[in-house]
C-alpha atoms as a PDB file:
ATOM      1  CA  MET A   1      30.214 -18.837 -15.374  1.00  0.00           C
ATOM      2  CA  GLY A   2      32.801 -18.009 -12.490  1.00  0.00           C
ATOM      3  CA  MET A   3      31.496 -17.906  -8.898  1.00  0.00           C
ATOM      4  CA  HIS A   4      31.434 -14.057  -8.807  1.00  0.00           C
ATOM      5  CA  GLN A   5      30.650 -13.293 -12.206  1.00  0.00           C
ATOM      6  CA  LEU A   6      27.533 -11.361 -13.197  1.00  0.00           C
ATOM      7  CA  HIS A   7      26.038 -11.685 -16.508  1.00  0.00           C
ATOM      8  CA  ILE A   8      23.534  -8.676 -17.478  1.00  0.00           C
ATOM      9  CA  VAL A   9      21.301  -8.462 -20.609  1.00  0.00           C
ATOM     10  CA  ALA A  10      18.833  -5.853 -21.166  1.00  0.00           C
ATOM     11  CA  GLN A  11      15.677  -6.098 -23.147  1.00  0.00           C
ATOM     12  CA  ARG A  12      12.914  -3.595 -23.999  1.00  0.00           C
ATOM     13  CA  ILE A  13       9.339  -4.363 -24.099  1.00  0.00           C
ATOM     14  CA  ARG A  14       7.289  -1.298 -25.039  1.00  0.00           C
ATOM     15  CA  ASP A  15       8.279   1.199 -22.617  1.00  0.00           C
ATOM     16  CA  ILE A  16       9.695  -0.900 -19.872  1.00  0.00           C
ATOM     17  CA  GLU A  17      13.190  -2.074 -19.420  1.00  0.00           C
ATOM     18  CA  ILE A  18      13.941  -5.789 -18.587  1.00  0.00           C
ATOM     19  CA  ILE A  19      17.186  -6.457 -17.401  1.00  0.00           C
ATOM     20  CA  HIS A  20      18.143 -10.116 -17.104  1.00  0.00           C
ATOM     21  CA  LEU A  21      20.480 -11.046 -14.493  1.00  0.00           C
ATOM     22  CA  ALA A  22      22.769 -14.153 -13.901  1.00  0.00           C
ATOM     23  CA  GLY A  23      25.455 -15.105 -11.341  1.00  0.00           C
ATOM     24  CA  SER A  24      26.693 -13.388  -8.210  1.00  0.00           C
ATOM     25  CA  LEU A  25      25.754  -9.738  -7.492  1.00  0.00           C
ATOM     26  CA  ASP A  26      28.279  -8.648  -4.997  1.00  0.00           C
ATOM     27  CA  GLY A  27      30.435  -5.849  -4.307  1.00  0.00           C
ATOM     28  CA  GLY A  28      33.019  -6.790  -6.691  1.00  0.00           C
ATOM     29  CA  ASN A  29      30.822  -6.581  -9.571  1.00  0.00           C
ATOM     30  CA  PHE A  30      27.774  -4.540  -8.515  1.00  0.00           C
ATOM     31  CA  ALA A  31      29.349  -1.401 -10.296  1.00  0.00           C
ATOM     32  CA  ASN A  32      28.430  -2.700 -13.643  1.00  0.00           C
ATOM     33  CA  LEU A  33      24.783  -3.056 -12.799  1.00  0.00           C
ATOM     34  CA  ALA A  34      24.760   0.170 -10.956  1.00  0.00           C
ATOM     35  CA  GLY A  35      26.109   1.959 -13.874  1.00  0.00           C
ATOM     36  CA  LEU A  36      23.597   0.401 -16.115  1.00  0.00           C
ATOM     37  CA  LEU A  37      20.549   1.324 -13.928  1.00  0.00           C
ATOM     38  CA  THR A  38      21.982   5.061 -13.364  1.00  0.00           C
ATOM     39  CA  ASN A  39      22.142   5.310 -17.387  1.00  0.00           C
ATOM     40  CA  HIS A  40      18.690   3.599 -17.723  1.00  0.00           C
ATOM     41  CA  LEU A  41      17.377   6.321 -15.069  1.00  0.00           C
ATOM     42  CA  ARG A  42      18.934   9.153 -16.577  1.00  0.00           C
ATOM     43  CA  THR A  43      17.592   8.163 -20.092  1.00  0.00           C
ATOM     44  CA  PHE A  44      14.144   7.795 -18.955  1.00  0.00           C
ATOM     45  CA  GLN A  45      14.391  11.263 -17.188  1.00  0.00           C
ATOM     46  CA  GLN A  46      16.117  12.853 -20.468  1.00  0.00           C
ATOM     47  CA  ASN A  47      13.377  11.476 -22.609  1.00  0.00           C
ATOM     48  CA  GLY A  48      10.464  12.630 -20.247  1.00  0.00           C
ATOM     49  CA  ALA A  49       9.587   8.908 -19.752  1.00  0.00           C
ATOM     50  CA  ILE A  50       8.572   7.271 -16.644  1.00  0.00           C
ATOM     51  CA  PRO A  51      11.432   4.834 -15.170  1.00  0.00           C
ATOM     52  CA  GLN A  52      10.132   1.500 -15.433  1.00  0.00           C
ATOM     53  CA  LEU A  53      12.651  -1.350 -14.953  1.00  0.00           C
ATOM     54  CA  VAL A  54      12.022  -5.276 -14.219  1.00  0.00           C
ATOM     55  CA  LEU A  55      14.967  -7.275 -12.887  1.00  0.00           C
ATOM     56  CA  GLU A  56      14.999 -10.858 -13.825  1.00  0.00           C
ATOM     57  CA  CYS A  57      16.603 -12.738 -11.044  1.00  0.00           C
ATOM     58  CA  SER A  58      15.984 -16.260 -11.794  1.00  0.00           C
ATOM     59  CA  GLU A  59      19.506 -17.008 -12.399  1.00  0.00           C
ATOM     60  CA  ILE A  60      21.107 -14.937  -9.572  1.00  0.00           C
ATOM     61  CA  THR A  61      22.755 -17.282  -7.035  1.00  0.00           C
ATOM     62  CA  TYR A  62      23.824 -14.365  -4.635  1.00  0.00           C
ATOM     63  CA  ILE A  63      22.841 -10.872  -3.747  1.00  0.00           C
ATOM     64  CA  GLY A  64      24.876  -9.086  -0.800  1.00  0.00           C
ATOM     65  CA  SER A  65      23.061  -7.166   1.620  1.00  0.00           C
ATOM     66  CA  THR A  66      24.892  -3.807   0.652  1.00  0.00           C
ATOM     67  CA  GLU A  67      23.694  -4.426  -3.185  1.00  0.00           C
ATOM     68  CA  LEU A  68      20.042  -5.107  -1.775  1.00  0.00           C
ATOM     69  CA  LYS A  69      20.136  -1.823  -0.171  1.00  0.00           C
ATOM     70  CA  ALA A  70      21.402  -0.285  -3.368  1.00  0.00           C
ATOM     71  CA  LEU A  71      18.590  -1.710  -5.520  1.00  0.00           C
ATOM     72  CA  LEU A  72      16.321  -0.359  -2.847  1.00  0.00           C
ATOM     73  CA  ASP A  73      18.010   3.234  -3.573  1.00  0.00           C
ATOM     74  CA  PHE A  74      17.403   2.742  -7.406  1.00  0.00           C
ATOM     75  CA  ALA A  75      13.770   1.827  -6.877  1.00  0.00           C
ATOM     76  CA  HIS A  76      13.267   5.046  -4.582  1.00  0.00           C
ATOM     77  CA  ILE A  77      14.855   7.385  -7.428  1.00  0.00           C
ATOM     78  CA  ALA A  78      12.623   5.537 -10.088  1.00  0.00           C
ATOM     79  CA  ARG A  79       9.606   6.006  -7.913  1.00  0.00           C
ATOM     80  CA  SER A  80      10.487   9.710  -7.262  1.00  0.00           C
ATOM     81  CA  HIS A  81       9.733  10.050 -10.879  1.00  0.00           C
ATOM     82  CA  GLY A  82       6.612   8.124 -11.052  1.00  0.00           C
ATOM     83  CA  GLY A  83       7.876   4.747 -12.118  1.00  0.00           C
ATOM     84  CA  ASP A  84       9.654   1.752 -10.044  1.00  0.00           C
ATOM     85  CA  VAL A  85      11.951  -1.057 -10.274  1.00  0.00           C
ATOM     86  CA  LYS A  86      10.527  -4.324  -9.730  1.00  0.00           C
ATOM     87  CA  CYS A  87      12.028  -7.797  -9.492  1.00  0.00           C
ATOM     88  CA  ALA A  88      10.960 -10.975 -11.119  1.00  0.00           C
ATOM     89  CA  ARG A  89      11.806 -14.655 -10.372  1.00  0.00           C
ATOM     90  CA  LEU A  90      14.075 -13.752  -7.153  1.00  0.00           C
ATOM     91  CA  ALA A  91      14.950 -16.656  -5.080  1.00  0.00           C
ATOM     92  CA  PRO A  92      12.552 -17.014  -1.831  1.00  0.00           C
ATOM     93  CA  THR A  93      15.564 -16.950   0.511  1.00  0.00           C
ATOM     94  CA  ILE A  94      16.830 -13.715  -1.257  1.00  0.00           C
ATOM     95  CA  GLU A  95      13.633 -12.110  -1.167  1.00  0.00           C
ATOM     96  CA  GLN A  96      13.049 -12.395   2.604  1.00  0.00           C
ATOM     97  CA  VAL A  97      16.558 -10.899   3.131  1.00  0.00           C
ATOM     98  CA  ILE A  98      15.542  -8.223   0.983  1.00  0.00           C
ATOM     99  CA  ASN A  99      12.311  -7.556   3.028  1.00  0.00           C
ATOM    100  CA  LEU A 100      14.180  -7.565   6.219  1.00  0.00           C
ATOM    101  CA  ILE A 101      16.611  -4.934   4.763  1.00  0.00           C
ATOM    102  CA  ALA A 102      13.734  -2.788   3.249  1.00  0.00           C
ATOM    103  CA  ASN A 103      12.534  -2.501   6.908  1.00  0.00           C
ATOM    104  CA  GLY A 104       8.791  -1.782   5.889  1.00  0.00           C
ATOM    105  CA  ASP A 105       9.671   0.009   2.658  1.00  0.00           C
ATOM    106  CA  PRO A 106       8.063  -2.095   0.153  1.00  0.00           C
ATOM    107  CA  PHE A 107      10.124  -3.693  -2.847  1.00  0.00           C
ATOM    108  CA  ASP A 108       7.994  -5.317  -5.377  1.00  0.00           C
ATOM    109  CA  CYS A 109       8.910  -8.930  -6.360  1.00  0.00           C
ATOM    110  CA  TYR A 110       6.799 -11.076  -8.507  1.00  0.00           C
ATOM    111  CA  SER A 111       6.714 -14.808  -9.611  1.00  0.00           C
ATOM    112  CA  ASP A 112       7.425 -13.841 -13.427  1.00  0.00           C
ATOM    113  CA  VAL A 113       8.469 -11.158 -15.704  1.00  0.00           C
ATOM    114  CA  PRO A 114       4.727 -10.865 -17.196  1.00  0.00           C
ATOM    115  CA  THR A 115       3.222 -10.401 -13.756  1.00  0.00           C
ATOM    116  CA  ALA A 116       5.933  -7.617 -13.218  1.00  0.00           C
ATOM    117  CA  LEU A 117       5.029  -5.924 -16.188  1.00  0.00           C
ATOM    118  CA  ALA A 118       1.234  -6.340 -15.643  1.00  0.00           C
ATOM    119  CA  ALA A 119       1.723  -4.667 -12.173  1.00  0.00           C
ATOM    120  CA  PHE A 120       2.933  -1.329 -13.951  1.00  0.00           C
ATOM    121  CA  ARG A 121      -0.176  -1.057 -15.901  1.00  0.00           C
ATOM    122  CA  GLU A 122      -2.355  -1.909 -12.654  1.00  0.00           C
ATOM    123  CA  VAL A 123      -0.871   1.177 -10.801  1.00  0.00           C
ATOM    124  CA  GLY A 124      -1.986   3.320 -13.758  1.00  0.00           C
ATOM    125  CA  VAL A 125       1.537   3.876 -15.177  1.00  0.00           C
ATOM    126  CA  ALA A 126       0.942   4.580 -18.786  1.00  0.00           C
ATOM    127  CA  ALA A 127       3.325   4.738 -21.811  1.00  0.00           C
END
């Protein structure tokens, strides 16, 4: 995999979309992920479903601060429709940066995908 490539694989488990990411998430390749997230949010809306997305980030090597801010924006959009965007397996250094950028606005990060999936059920988001 090249230094600035991003690989994206989407997987659906029940009513939750899991997006597996690998590589570098920067300005040069963020448009692909942004397009995918936009389409998923639009599809959830059109189907009257609650937007529930988990970004599986165990193979992410870099995320730019602009891209982190954009991910927070996608989480806000999902939350405005009763859902959320959660991260799983984000590197601790990246998680620290996202918490700084979030400036008190929580961005939910979990140690693994099952824990992130369970968090949707814990807050009462039903299928």
